[in-house]
Amino acid sequence: MKLFAHELRGELLLYTRSRELAFFTFLLPLILFVLLGSTYGNDRIGHDRGANFLEAGMLGYGLVSTAFAGLAIFMVIRRESGILKRVRATPLPASTYIAAVLAATLIAFAVSSVCMIAIGRLLFSVPLPSRWLSLVLALGLGAAAFAALGLGMTTVVRSAEGASATVNAVYLPMAFIAGSFFSPHSFPQFLRAIADVLPLTYFIRLMRDVLLHGHQLWDNWSDVGVLVAWGAIGVVVALWKFRWEPAEG
């Protein structure tokens, strides 16, 4: 436990000192929320006010940028620069190191989510959530699923130089198609068909049901099941293919 706490403090310190990582995974979702909320926050999207609808989607964007993209990119960079190989050669257990990295990522996302909800309330008069337990459980489930997918994503990226390009090519279209920024109901049929298989679609749907309609987490077992299934896929791929040493050649 002491090793975990020590490593967690180190990971949090590294996160706060990495200006690029902190900006793109922490500040950028908040900035986009302010910009988009100022643009159409008072419009109506179906039966919901624009800012209320947008807050749930931006929580999804914050999740995928932090727990998926940010985690995948810096783990690839650490692997290809030899950091993971050196860590593996120390007495620190591999499980403790991975647990500390994941915990730091989840803490960053938790703080970002609190800031997102606070901005929604202070700037756009979005009501505070009424189902706090379901909200926390849904955020935790989504963070675990996308962190697992982020670790799985590291297995297909072979170079530090290609990490940002490859991961961005996956998560940015996913955020758009899943409806993080706009309602997907106006999208062409082929985009909606793609959205139906994306894990972020189900997380955002879960967020909107909890935040906008007052649903409990256990009222949406189909969405929960899809997130669990995607998270399990990420775990299987990571356990099967995760590497501690740089790619050869």
Protein backbone atom coordinates (compact mmCIF):
# COMPACT_ATOMS: atom_id res chain seq x y z
CA MET A 1 0.00 0.00 0.00
CA LYS A 2 2.88 2.37 0.76
CA LEU A 3 4.42 1.63 -2.63
CA PHE A 4 1.11 2.35 -4.33
CA ALA A 5 0.62 5.64 -2.46
CA HIS A 6 4.17 6.73 -3.26
CA GLU A 7 3.81 5.87 -6.94
CA LEU A 8 0.40 7.55 -7.11
CA ARG A 9 1.84 10.80 -5.73
CA GLY A 10 4.57 10.62 -8.35
CA GLU A 11 2.10 10.02 -11.17
CA LEU A 12 -0.09 12.94 -10.09
CA LEU A 13 2.97 15.19 -9.92
CA LEU A 14 4.04 14.14 -13.41
CA TYR A 15 0.53 14.80 -14.70
CA THR A 16 0.38 18.33 -13.31
CA ARG A 17 3.85 19.11 -14.66
CA SER A 18 3.01 17.91 -18.18
CA ARG A 19 1.47 21.07 -19.60
CA GLU A 20 0.51 19.54 -22.94
CA LEU A 21 -1.15 16.50 -21.36
CA ALA A 22 -2.95 18.58 -18.74
CA PHE A 23 -4.23 21.01 -21.37
CA PHE A 24 -5.59 18.49 -23.86
CA THR A 25 -7.06 16.07 -21.32
CA PHE A 26 -8.17 18.46 -18.57
CA LEU A 27 -8.56 22.05 -19.79
CA LEU A 28 -9.64 21.54 -23.41
CA PRO A 29 -12.95 19.78 -22.57
CA LEU A 30 -13.79 22.58 -20.14
CA ILE A 31 -12.93 25.25 -22.72
CA LEU A 32 -15.05 23.53 -25.38
CA PHE A 33 -17.95 23.32 -22.93
CA VAL A 34 -17.78 27.06 -22.30
CA LEU A 35 -17.54 27.88 -26.02
CA LEU A 36 -20.30 25.53 -27.17
CA GLY A 37 -22.50 26.33 -24.18
CA SER A 38 -22.20 30.04 -24.99
CA THR A 39 -23.14 29.30 -28.61
CA TYR A 40 -26.28 27.21 -28.22
CA GLY A 41 -26.76 26.77 -24.47
CA ASN A 42 -30.20 28.41 -24.52
CA ASP A 43 -31.48 26.54 -27.59
CA ARG A 44 -33.80 23.57 -27.32
CA ILE A 45 -32.67 20.08 -28.33
CA GLY A 46 -35.81 18.00 -28.26
CA HIS A 47 -37.30 18.49 -24.81
CA ASP A 48 -33.96 19.52 -23.26
CA ARG A 49 -32.19 22.84 -22.95
CA GLY A 50 -28.98 23.00 -24.99
CA ALA A 51 -26.60 23.56 -22.06
CA ASN A 52 -28.11 20.66 -20.10
CA PHE A 53 -27.84 18.38 -23.13
CA LEU A 54 -24.29 19.54 -23.83
CA GLU A 55 -23.02 18.97 -20.28
CA ALA A 56 -23.66 15.23 -20.48
CA GLY A 57 -21.94 15.03 -23.86
CA MET A 58 -18.93 16.99 -22.67
CA LEU A 59 -18.54 14.67 -19.70
CA GLY A 60 -18.24 11.94 -22.32
CA TYR A 61 -15.68 13.93 -24.26
CA GLY A 62 -13.70 14.58 -21.07
CA LEU A 63 -13.79 10.87 -20.33
CA VAL A 64 -12.49 9.73 -23.71
CA SER A 65 -9.80 12.43 -23.87
CA THR A 66 -8.48 11.60 -20.39
CA ALA A 67 -9.04 7.90 -19.71
CA PHE A 68 -8.58 6.73 -23.30
CA ALA A 69 -6.51 9.12 -25.40
CA GLY A 70 -4.31 10.66 -22.70
CA LEU A 71 -3.59 7.31 -21.06
CA ALA A 72 -2.80 5.58 -24.36
CA ILE A 73 -0.51 8.34 -25.61
CA PHE A 74 1.65 8.74 -22.53
CA MET A 75 1.93 4.99 -21.98
CA VAL A 76 3.19 4.53 -25.55
CA ILE A 77 5.66 7.39 -25.10
CA ARG A 78 6.91 5.86 -21.85
CA ARG A 79 7.26 2.46 -23.47
CA GLU A 80 9.11 3.67 -26.55
CA SER A 81 11.45 5.91 -24.51
CA GLY A 82 12.41 2.93 -22.36
CA ILE A 83 10.76 4.14 -19.15
CA LEU A 84 8.45 1.12 -18.83
CA LYS A 85 11.37 -1.24 -19.40
CA ARG A 86 13.33 0.42 -16.59
CA VAL A 87 10.29 0.39 -14.28
CA ARG A 88 9.84 -3.32 -14.96
CA ALA A 89 13.45 -3.91 -13.84
CA THR A 90 12.88 -2.24 -10.45
CA PRO A 91 11.46 -3.94 -7.34
CA LEU A 92 8.17 -2.06 -7.90
CA PRO A 93 5.53 -4.69 -8.81
CA ALA A 94 4.08 -4.23 -12.28
CA SER A 95 0.55 -4.39 -10.90
CA THR A 96 1.30 -1.57 -8.45
CA TYR A 97 2.71 0.62 -11.20
CA ILE A 98 -0.28 0.07 -13.52
CA ALA A 99 -2.71 0.59 -10.63
CA ALA A 100 -1.06 3.91 -9.75
CA VAL A 101 -1.15 5.09 -13.38
CA LEU A 102 -4.83 4.17 -13.68
CA ALA A 103 -5.68 5.77 -10.33
CA ALA A 104 -3.96 9.03 -11.33
CA THR A 105 -5.90 9.03 -14.59
CA LEU A 106 -9.21 8.43 -12.80
CA ILE A 107 -8.48 11.19 -10.27
CA ALA A 108 -7.77 13.63 -13.10
CA PHE A 109 -11.06 12.68 -14.75
CA ALA A 110 -12.95 12.99 -11.45
CA VAL A 111 -11.63 16.51 -10.89
CA SER A 112 -12.44 17.42 -14.49
CA SER A 113 -16.01 16.12 -14.05
CA VAL A 114 -16.52 18.18 -10.90
CA CYS A 115 -15.27 21.27 -12.75
CA MET A 116 -17.57 20.52 -15.69
CA ILE A 117 -20.62 20.26 -13.45
CA ALA A 118 -19.61 23.42 -11.58
CA ILE A 119 -19.18 25.36 -14.84
CA GLY A 120 -22.55 24.13 -16.05
CA ARG A 121 -24.19 25.36 -12.87
CA LEU A 122 -22.37 28.70 -12.56
CA LEU A 123 -22.28 29.80 -16.22
CA PHE A 124 -25.29 28.10 -17.79
CA SER A 125 -27.66 27.46 -14.84
CA VAL A 126 -27.65 23.70 -15.43
CA PRO A 127 -29.37 22.03 -12.45
CA LEU A 128 -27.18 19.98 -10.17
CA PRO A 129 -27.60 16.21 -10.55
CA SER A 130 -30.37 14.67 -8.44
CA ARG A 131 -29.03 11.11 -8.68
CA TRP A 132 -25.54 11.54 -7.26
CA LEU A 133 -24.92 7.88 -6.53
CA SER A 134 -25.89 6.81 -10.04
CA LEU A 135 -23.79 9.64 -11.48
CA VAL A 136 -20.69 8.61 -9.54
CA LEU A 137 -21.18 4.94 -10.43
CA ALA A 138 -21.71 5.76 -14.11
CA LEU A 139 -18.61 7.97 -14.22
CA GLY A 140 -16.59 5.26 -12.50
CA LEU A 141 -17.85 2.58 -14.86
CA GLY A 142 -17.08 4.70 -17.91
CA ALA A 143 -13.62 5.61 -16.62
CA ALA A 144 -12.76 1.96 -15.95
CA ALA A 145 -14.01 0.85 -19.38
CA PHE A 146 -12.17 3.53 -21.34
CA ALA A 147 -8.98 3.17 -19.29
CA ALA A 148 -8.99 -0.53 -20.20
CA LEU A 149 -9.52 0.41 -23.85
CA GLY A 150 -6.69 2.94 -23.56
CA LEU A 151 -4.30 0.26 -22.36
CA GLY A 152 -5.53 -1.99 -25.14
CA MET A 153 -4.92 0.82 -27.65
CA THR A 154 -1.23 0.94 -26.70
CA THR A 155 -0.80 -2.51 -28.23
CA VAL A 156 -1.55 -1.28 -31.75
CA VAL A 157 0.62 1.87 -31.65
CA ARG A 158 4.23 0.99 -32.41
CA SER A 159 6.01 4.36 -32.17
CA ALA A 160 6.00 7.40 -29.92
CA GLU A 161 5.91 9.64 -32.99
CA GLY A 162 2.71 8.03 -34.21
CA ALA A 163 0.97 7.87 -30.83
CA SER A 164 -0.84 11.22 -30.97
CA ALA A 165 -1.85 10.87 -34.63
CA THR A 166 -3.16 7.32 -34.24
CA VAL A 167 -5.05 7.90 -31.01
CA ASN A 168 -6.50 11.23 -32.18
CA ALA A 169 -7.69 9.55 -35.38
CA VAL A 170 -9.72 7.19 -33.19
CA TYR A 171 -11.07 9.31 -30.36
CA LEU A 172 -11.91 12.60 -32.13
CA PRO A 173 -14.24 11.04 -34.73
CA MET A 174 -15.70 8.85 -31.98
CA ALA A 175 -16.47 11.91 -29.84
CA PHE A 176 -18.18 13.63 -32.78
CA ILE A 177 -20.17 10.62 -34.02
CA ALA A 178 -21.24 9.57 -30.50
CA GLY A 179 -22.86 12.97 -29.93
CA SER A 180 -20.51 14.70 -27.51
CA PHE A 181 -21.03 18.10 -29.13
CA PHE A 182 -24.35 17.87 -30.98
CA SER A 183 -27.40 15.68 -31.12
CA PRO A 184 -26.69 12.59 -33.27
CA HIS A 185 -30.34 12.39 -34.35
CA SER A 186 -29.67 14.77 -37.24
CA PHE A 187 -26.70 12.73 -38.52
CA PRO A 188 -26.91 10.69 -41.74
CA GLN A 189 -27.99 7.09 -41.35
CA PHE A 190 -24.51 5.67 -41.92
CA LEU A 191 -23.08 7.81 -39.08
CA ARG A 192 -25.87 6.73 -36.75
CA ALA A 193 -25.13 3.10 -37.66
CA ILE A 194 -21.48 3.65 -36.69
CA ALA A 195 -22.56 5.40 -33.48
CA ASP A 196 -24.56 2.33 -32.49
CA VAL A 197 -21.36 0.30 -32.03
CA LEU A 198 -19.27 2.95 -30.27
CA PRO A 199 -18.86 2.61 -26.49
CA LEU A 200 -18.93 6.40 -26.04
CA THR A 201 -22.46 6.49 -27.46
CA TYR A 202 -23.70 4.35 -24.59
CA PHE A 203 -21.79 6.29 -21.96
CA ILE A 204 -23.24 9.60 -23.16
CA ARG A 205 -26.71 8.05 -23.33
CA LEU A 206 -26.26 6.86 -19.76
CA MET A 207 -25.10 10.33 -18.68
CA ARG A 208 -28.09 12.02 -20.29
CA ASP A 209 -30.54 9.58 -18.72
CA VAL A 210 -29.03 10.19 -15.26
CA LEU A 211 -28.49 13.96 -15.56
CA LEU A 212 -31.48 15.02 -17.65
CA HIS A 213 -34.15 12.47 -16.86
CA GLY A 214 -33.31 11.48 -13.28
CA HIS A 215 -32.81 7.80 -14.08
CA GLN A 216 -30.91 5.46 -11.82
CA LEU A 217 -27.93 3.55 -13.15
CA TRP A 218 -29.77 0.26 -12.77
CA ASP A 219 -32.60 1.55 -14.99
CA ASN A 220 -30.23 1.34 -17.99
CA TRP A 221 -28.81 -2.18 -17.92
CA SER A 222 -28.40 -2.34 -21.70
CA ASP A 223 -26.08 0.69 -21.74
CA VAL A 224 -24.21 -0.61 -18.70
CA GLY A 225 -23.81 -4.00 -20.36
CA VAL A 226 -22.31 -2.51 -23.52
CA LEU A 227 -19.79 -0.48 -21.50
CA VAL A 228 -18.83 -3.54 -19.46
CA ALA A 229 -18.40 -5.58 -22.65
CA TRP A 230 -16.14 -2.95 -24.24
CA GLY A 231 -14.13 -2.66 -21.04
CA ALA A 232 -13.71 -6.44 -20.97
CA ILE A 233 -12.42 -6.35 -24.54
CA GLY A 234 -9.87 -3.72 -23.52
CA VAL A 235 -8.74 -5.82 -20.55
CA VAL A 236 -8.35 -8.96 -22.67
CA VAL A 237 -6.35 -7.16 -25.35
CA ALA A 238 -4.14 -5.42 -22.78
CA LEU A 239 -3.41 -8.66 -20.91
CA TRP A 240 -2.68 -10.46 -24.16
CA LYS A 241 -0.59 -7.89 -26.03
CA PHE A 242 0.65 -5.22 -23.60
CA ARG A 243 4.41 -4.67 -23.91
CA TRP A 244 6.92 -3.17 -21.48
CA GLU A 245 9.75 -2.93 -24.00
CA PRO A 246 10.04 -0.63 -27.03
CA ALA A 247 9.03 -2.01 -30.40
CA GLU A 248 11.91 -3.49 -32.34
CA GLY A 249 13.05 -1.78 -35.49
